[in-house]
Amino acid sequence: ALSKLLEARKMTPQDPYLLNSLGLAYMGKKRDDLAVSCFKKALDLKPDYTEALNNLGAAFLRQKKWDQAIPAFEKVLEDLLYPTPQYPLSNLGWAYLEKQDYSQAESFFSQALDVVPGFGTASHGLAQVYLQSRQVDKAVRFLTNALARLPNSALLHADLARAYEARGRTALAKKSWQKVRQYAQKDSTLAQTAGKRLSELD
């Protein structure tokens, strides 16, 4: 796909939609630096191209450039016609979580969940807010409710396992880690973590 996009760019170098697609292809190759350049060029050509702006914010997020990602996502949210606001809202949550601004992170993850109840990425993010800010009981309550919507989420079961461990509730933690092994992809990092934790908790 990347080679075809590069060929197409030679023929139409000023096509913002092509540049956006090329940026996504670079992100797929983990070349976020090249992706940022493509998204910026797309926006130079079409300043109201909100999709490219959201992708630019996502590339900044992957580069851990939180203070550049945040204004990009905020500007995306100014477009009231943007069809999937849960993504920039959730991404803002992650940026503020990385900055350890737990209040702002909680607000944006919660807004994302207001838009799409049960949105997995925002649910995991909000769980991380509670765990990292040591609101463990709140994490347990939230995750119990979230897993009623997403019972097959290995990631949320892992969050709940960590919350139970933080409270010293070993039996419940083991049950949650077993759920992680049940639902996580075999040989994934999460499945391996679950196996390790079960061994250590025995």
Protein backbone atom coordinates (compact mmCIF):
# COMPACT_ATOMS: atom_id res chain seq x y z
CA ALA A 1 0.00 0.00 0.00
CA LEU A 2 2.81 2.42 0.88
CA SER A 3 4.58 1.92 -2.45
CA LYS A 4 1.34 2.57 -4.36
CA LEU A 5 0.67 5.72 -2.36
CA LEU A 6 4.20 6.99 -3.01
CA GLU A 7 3.70 6.41 -6.74
CA ALA A 8 0.36 8.21 -6.64
CA ARG A 9 1.96 11.13 -4.81
CA LYS A 10 4.37 11.65 -7.71
CA MET A 11 1.38 12.19 -9.99
CA THR A 12 -0.73 14.25 -7.57
CA PRO A 13 1.60 15.80 -4.97
CA GLN A 14 -0.96 18.42 -3.91
CA ASP A 15 -3.80 16.03 -3.00
CA PRO A 16 -4.57 16.44 0.73
CA TYR A 17 -6.57 13.19 0.84
CA LEU A 18 -3.67 11.25 -0.63
CA LEU A 19 -1.28 12.88 1.85
CA ASN A 20 -3.56 11.87 4.71
CA SER A 21 -3.62 8.26 3.47
CA LEU A 22 0.15 8.33 3.08
CA GLY A 23 0.49 9.59 6.65
CA LEU A 24 -1.62 6.69 7.91
CA ALA A 25 0.56 4.27 5.94
CA TYR A 26 3.67 5.76 7.56
CA MET A 27 2.05 5.34 10.98
CA GLY A 28 1.45 1.70 10.09
CA LYS A 29 5.20 1.43 9.46
CA LYS A 30 5.89 3.20 12.78
CA ARG A 31 7.41 6.20 11.00
CA ASP A 32 5.47 8.80 12.92
CA ASP A 33 7.94 11.52 11.96
CA LEU A 34 7.11 11.07 8.28
CA ALA A 35 3.42 10.77 9.12
CA VAL A 36 3.46 14.14 10.92
CA SER A 37 4.98 15.76 7.84
CA CYS A 38 2.26 14.31 5.59
CA PHE A 39 -0.59 15.38 7.86
CA LYS A 40 0.83 18.89 8.15
CA LYS A 41 1.09 19.18 4.37
CA ALA A 42 -2.47 17.92 4.00
CA LEU A 43 -3.64 20.60 6.41
CA ASP A 44 -1.65 23.29 4.59
CA LEU A 45 -3.57 22.37 1.46
CA LYS A 46 -6.94 21.94 3.20
CA PRO A 47 -7.03 23.70 6.59
CA ASP A 48 -10.54 22.40 7.39
CA TYR A 49 -9.51 18.75 6.91
CA THR A 50 -10.49 17.58 10.40
CA GLU A 51 -9.64 13.92 9.78
CA ALA A 52 -6.03 14.83 8.97
CA LEU A 53 -5.91 17.04 12.07
CA ASN A 54 -7.10 14.17 14.25
CA ASN A 55 -4.48 11.91 12.67
CA LEU A 56 -1.82 14.54 13.32
CA GLY A 57 -2.81 14.56 16.99
CA ALA A 58 -2.62 10.76 17.06
CA ALA A 59 0.88 10.85 15.57
CA PHE A 60 1.97 13.41 18.19
CA LEU A 61 0.46 11.15 20.85
CA ARG A 62 2.56 8.21 19.64
CA GLN A 63 5.63 10.45 19.72
CA LYS A 64 4.81 11.34 23.34
CA LYS A 65 4.48 14.99 22.38
CA TRP A 66 1.55 15.59 24.67
CA ASP A 67 1.59 19.38 24.48
CA GLN A 68 1.37 19.26 20.68
CA ALA A 69 -1.27 16.55 20.63
CA ILE A 70 -3.63 18.35 23.00
CA PRO A 71 -4.32 21.49 20.88
CA ALA A 72 -4.75 19.32 17.78
CA PHE A 73 -7.48 17.25 19.43
CA GLU A 74 -9.09 20.35 20.96
CA LYS A 75 -9.35 21.87 17.49
CA VAL A 76 -10.88 18.64 16.14
CA LEU A 77 -13.63 18.96 18.76
CA GLU A 78 -14.42 22.46 17.47
CA ASP A 79 -15.77 20.77 14.33
CA LEU A 80 -19.32 20.01 15.45
CA LEU A 81 -19.85 17.85 12.37
CA TYR A 82 -16.95 15.51 13.15
CA PRO A 83 -18.68 12.11 13.24
CA THR A 84 -16.61 10.31 15.91
CA PRO A 85 -15.83 12.77 18.75
CA GLN A 86 -15.21 9.86 21.14
CA TYR A 87 -11.77 9.38 19.58
CA PRO A 88 -10.34 12.88 20.11
CA LEU A 89 -12.01 12.98 23.55
CA SER A 90 -10.37 9.70 24.52
CA ASN A 91 -7.04 10.79 23.03
CA LEU A 92 -7.18 13.96 25.11
CA GLY A 93 -7.74 11.73 28.12
CA TRP A 94 -4.59 9.77 27.31
CA ALA A 95 -2.53 12.91 26.78
CA TYR A 96 -3.57 14.36 30.14
CA LEU A 97 -3.08 10.97 31.85
CA GLU A 98 0.51 10.94 30.60
CA LYS A 99 0.93 14.44 32.02
CA GLN A 100 -0.49 13.09 35.32
CA ASP A 101 -3.32 15.61 35.17
CA TYR A 102 -5.83 13.11 36.48
CA SER A 103 -8.73 15.53 36.77
CA GLN A 104 -8.57 16.53 33.11
CA ALA A 105 -7.98 12.93 32.03
CA GLU A 106 -11.02 11.74 33.97
CA SER A 107 -13.15 14.48 32.42
CA PHE A 108 -12.23 13.63 28.83
CA PHE A 109 -12.52 9.86 29.25
CA SER A 110 -15.92 10.37 30.86
CA GLN A 111 -17.05 12.60 27.99
CA ALA A 112 -15.97 9.93 25.51
CA LEU A 113 -18.03 7.37 27.41
CA ASP A 114 -21.01 9.74 27.37
CA VAL A 115 -20.79 9.75 23.58
CA VAL A 116 -20.29 5.97 23.27
CA PRO A 117 -21.10 4.05 26.47
CA GLY A 118 -18.88 1.00 26.67
CA PHE A 119 -16.13 2.51 24.48
CA GLY A 120 -13.26 0.18 25.37
CA THR A 121 -10.33 2.57 24.93
CA ALA A 122 -11.94 5.21 27.15
CA SER A 123 -13.00 2.58 29.70
CA HIS A 124 -9.41 1.36 29.99
CA GLY A 125 -8.20 4.96 30.20
CA LEU A 126 -10.61 5.86 32.99
CA ALA A 127 -9.60 2.72 34.88
CA GLN A 128 -5.97 3.81 34.59
CA VAL A 129 -6.86 7.25 35.95
CA TYR A 130 -8.37 5.66 39.06
CA LEU A 131 -5.53 3.15 39.49
CA GLN A 132 -2.73 5.66 38.99
CA SER A 133 -4.36 8.22 41.28
CA ARG A 134 -4.85 5.48 43.91
CA GLN A 135 -8.63 5.60 43.83
CA VAL A 136 -8.67 1.82 43.91
CA ASP A 137 -12.19 1.31 45.28
CA LYS A 138 -13.52 3.63 42.59
CA ALA A 139 -11.59 1.61 40.00
CA VAL A 140 -13.18 -1.63 41.21
CA ARG A 141 -16.69 -0.17 41.04
CA PHE A 142 -16.14 1.33 37.62
CA LEU A 143 -14.53 -1.80 36.17
CA THR A 144 -17.25 -4.06 37.55
CA ASN A 145 -19.83 -1.97 35.69
CA ALA A 146 -17.68 -1.66 32.56
CA LEU A 147 -17.20 -5.42 32.36
CA ALA A 148 -20.96 -5.90 32.44
CA ARG A 149 -20.91 -4.15 29.04
CA LEU A 150 -17.62 -5.62 27.82
CA PRO A 151 -17.34 -9.06 29.47
CA ASN A 152 -14.77 -10.32 26.96
CA SER A 153 -12.30 -7.43 27.42
CA ALA A 154 -9.00 -8.93 28.51
CA LEU A 155 -7.63 -5.42 29.07
CA LEU A 156 -10.38 -4.46 31.52
CA HIS A 157 -10.07 -7.80 33.34
CA ALA A 158 -6.35 -7.02 33.74
CA ASP A 159 -7.19 -3.57 35.13
CA LEU A 160 -9.57 -5.18 37.61
CA ALA A 161 -6.96 -7.77 38.58
CA ARG A 162 -4.49 -5.00 39.35
CA ALA A 163 -7.11 -3.18 41.39
CA TYR A 164 -7.80 -6.31 43.42
CA GLU A 165 -4.07 -6.84 43.95
CA ALA A 166 -3.75 -3.27 45.20
CA ARG A 167 -6.42 -4.09 47.79
CA GLY A 168 -4.75 -7.37 48.74
CA ARG A 169 -7.72 -9.40 47.48
CA THR A 170 -5.64 -12.21 46.04
CA ALA A 171 -8.41 -14.71 45.30
CA LEU A 172 -10.37 -12.16 43.27
CA ALA A 173 -7.21 -10.98 41.53
CA LYS A 174 -6.44 -14.54 40.45
CA LYS A 175 -9.96 -14.95 39.06
CA SER A 176 -9.52 -11.78 37.02
CA TRP A 177 -6.10 -12.86 35.72
CA GLN A 178 -7.66 -16.16 34.68
CA LYS A 179 -10.23 -14.17 32.71
CA VAL A 180 -7.37 -12.30 31.05
CA ARG A 181 -5.83 -15.58 29.92
CA GLN A 182 -9.23 -16.71 28.68
CA TYR A 183 -9.89 -13.65 26.52
CA ALA A 184 -6.42 -12.36 25.58
CA GLN A 185 -4.82 -13.46 22.34
CA LYS A 186 -2.63 -16.49 22.92
CA ASP A 187 1.06 -15.57 23.36
CA SER A 188 0.20 -11.85 23.57
CA THR A 189 2.01 -9.68 26.10
CA LEU A 190 -1.19 -9.47 28.13
CA ALA A 191 -1.61 -13.25 28.19
CA GLN A 192 2.01 -13.65 29.27
CA THR A 193 1.54 -11.06 32.03
CA ALA A 194 -1.52 -12.93 33.26
CA GLY A 195 0.38 -16.21 33.37
CA LYS A 196 3.24 -14.61 35.27
CA ARG A 197 0.93 -12.97 37.81
CA LEU A 198 -1.00 -16.21 38.40
CA SER A 199 2.27 -18.01 39.04
CA GLU A 200 3.45 -15.33 41.45
CA LEU A 201 0.13 -15.20 43.32
CA ASP A 202 0.02 -18.98 43.92
